[in-house]
């Protein structure tokens, strides 16, 4: 993920407001990034990035995990 963001910071110096803005803008334009934890699509309104593909509801039944449909 950082490789996708660092490209936006090459013209800015580390720690400057321009650098932070480039990181933020890069994150806010991240679409369908796949990680072991799920899919991430971030926007200026959603910085968590997760959607329904990453969430399931389970219950414990007789000591075993059961998916709740």
C-alpha atoms as a PDB file:
ATOM      1  CA  UNK A   1       0.000   0.000   0.000  1.00  0.00           C
ATOM      2  CA  UNK A   2       2.811   2.400   0.805  1.00  0.00           C
ATOM      3  CA  UNK A   3       4.196   2.008  -2.714  1.00  0.00           C
ATOM      4  CA  UNK A   4       0.923   3.422  -4.025  1.00  0.00           C
ATOM      5  CA  UNK A   5       1.148   6.392  -1.644  1.00  0.00           C
ATOM      6  CA  UNK A   6       4.853   7.202  -1.840  1.00  0.00           C
ATOM      7  CA  UNK A   7       4.596   8.097  -5.516  1.00  0.00           C
ATOM      8  CA  UNK A   8       2.510  11.095  -4.506  1.00  0.00           C
ATOM      9  CA  UNK A   9       5.161  12.359  -2.076  1.00  0.00           C
ATOM     10  CA  UNK A  10       8.283  12.402  -4.268  1.00  0.00           C
ATOM     11  CA  UNK A  11       8.059  16.155  -4.821  1.00  0.00           C
ATOM     12  CA  UNK A  12       7.517  16.913  -1.120  1.00  0.00           C
ATOM     13  CA  UNK A  13       9.886  16.841   1.830  1.00  0.00           C
ATOM     14  CA  UNK A  14       9.168  14.441   4.692  1.00  0.00           C
ATOM     15  CA  UNK A  15       7.166  16.057   7.494  1.00  0.00           C
ATOM     16  CA  UNK A  16       5.883  19.054   5.557  1.00  0.00           C
ATOM     17  CA  UNK A  17       2.220  19.872   5.150  1.00  0.00           C
ATOM     18  CA  UNK A  18       2.575  19.096   1.421  1.00  0.00           C
ATOM     19  CA  UNK A  19       3.924  15.633   2.265  1.00  0.00           C
ATOM     20  CA  UNK A  20       1.041  14.933   4.670  1.00  0.00           C
ATOM     21  CA  UNK A  21      -1.482  16.196   2.102  1.00  0.00           C
ATOM     22  CA  UNK A  22       0.020  13.884  -0.545  1.00  0.00           C
ATOM     23  CA  UNK A  23      -0.284  10.893   1.824  1.00  0.00           C
ATOM     24  CA  UNK A  24      -3.887  11.843   2.672  1.00  0.00           C
ATOM     25  CA  UNK A  25      -4.825  12.330  -0.975  1.00  0.00           C
ATOM     26  CA  UNK A  26      -3.227   9.013  -1.897  1.00  0.00           C
ATOM     27  CA  UNK A  27      -5.153   7.211   0.850  1.00  0.00           C
ATOM     28  CA  UNK A  28      -8.429   8.864  -0.055  1.00  0.00           C
ATOM     29  CA  UNK A  29      -8.075   7.598  -3.628  1.00  0.00           C
ATOM     30  CA  UNK A  30      -7.297   4.005  -2.664  1.00  0.00           C
ATOM     31  CA  UNK A  31      -9.762   1.651  -4.371  1.00  0.00           C
ATOM     32  CA  UNK A  32     -10.226  -2.102  -3.827  1.00  0.00           C
ATOM     33  CA  UNK A  33      -6.833  -2.571  -2.164  1.00  0.00           C
ATOM     34  CA  UNK A  34      -6.578  -6.234  -1.110  1.00  0.00           C
ATOM     35  CA  UNK A  35      -4.933  -7.138   2.196  1.00  0.00           C
ATOM     36  CA  UNK A  36      -5.097 -10.175   4.488  1.00  0.00           C
ATOM     37  CA  UNK A  37      -7.706  -8.308   6.551  1.00  0.00           C
ATOM     38  CA  UNK A  38     -10.015  -7.492   3.649  1.00  0.00           C
ATOM     39  CA  UNK A  39     -10.653  -5.054   0.829  1.00  0.00           C
ATOM     40  CA  UNK A  40     -10.072  -1.337   1.333  1.00  0.00           C
ATOM     41  CA  UNK A  41     -11.655   1.535  -0.574  1.00  0.00           C
ATOM     42  CA  UNK A  42     -11.079   4.864   1.125  1.00  0.00           C
ATOM     43  CA  UNK A  43     -12.674   8.205   0.414  1.00  0.00           C
ATOM     44  CA  UNK A  44     -12.620  11.651   2.001  1.00  0.00           C
ATOM     45  CA  UNK A  45     -15.749  10.573   3.925  1.00  0.00           C
ATOM     46  CA  UNK A  46     -14.567   7.085   4.928  1.00  0.00           C
ATOM     47  CA  UNK A  47     -11.089   6.623   6.337  1.00  0.00           C
ATOM     48  CA  UNK A  48     -11.724   3.093   7.643  1.00  0.00           C
ATOM     49  CA  UNK A  49     -12.041   1.788   4.099  1.00  0.00           C
ATOM     50  CA  UNK A  50     -13.764  -1.498   4.903  1.00  0.00           C
ATOM     51  CA  UNK A  51     -17.086  -2.538   3.441  1.00  0.00           C
ATOM     52  CA  UNK A  52     -19.524  -5.455   3.712  1.00  0.00           C
ATOM     53  CA  UNK A  53     -17.068  -7.815   1.983  1.00  0.00           C
ATOM     54  CA  UNK A  54     -14.867  -7.633   5.098  1.00  0.00           C
ATOM     55  CA  UNK A  55     -17.527  -8.187   7.715  1.00  0.00           C
ATOM     56  CA  UNK A  56     -19.333 -11.314   8.844  1.00  0.00           C
ATOM     57  CA  UNK A  57     -21.534 -12.135  11.798  1.00  0.00           C
ATOM     58  CA  UNK A  58     -20.767 -15.321  13.718  1.00  0.00           C
ATOM     59  CA  UNK A  59     -22.020 -17.001  16.859  1.00  0.00           C
ATOM     60  CA  UNK A  60     -20.543 -19.699  19.056  1.00  0.00           C
ATOM     61  CA  UNK A  61     -22.605 -22.897  19.001  1.00  0.00           C
ATOM     62  CA  UNK A  62     -21.379 -25.796  21.170  1.00  0.00           C
ATOM     63  CA  UNK A  63     -17.892 -24.277  21.252  1.00  0.00           C
ATOM     64  CA  UNK A  64     -17.657 -23.857  17.475  1.00  0.00           C
ATOM     65  CA  UNK A  65     -17.919 -20.757  15.306  1.00  0.00           C
ATOM     66  CA  UNK A  66     -21.017 -20.669  13.110  1.00  0.00           C
ATOM     67  CA  UNK A  67     -21.606 -18.166  10.332  1.00  0.00           C
ATOM     68  CA  UNK A  68     -24.893 -16.300  10.776  1.00  0.00           C
ATOM     69  CA  UNK A  69     -26.573 -15.920   7.364  1.00  0.00           C
END
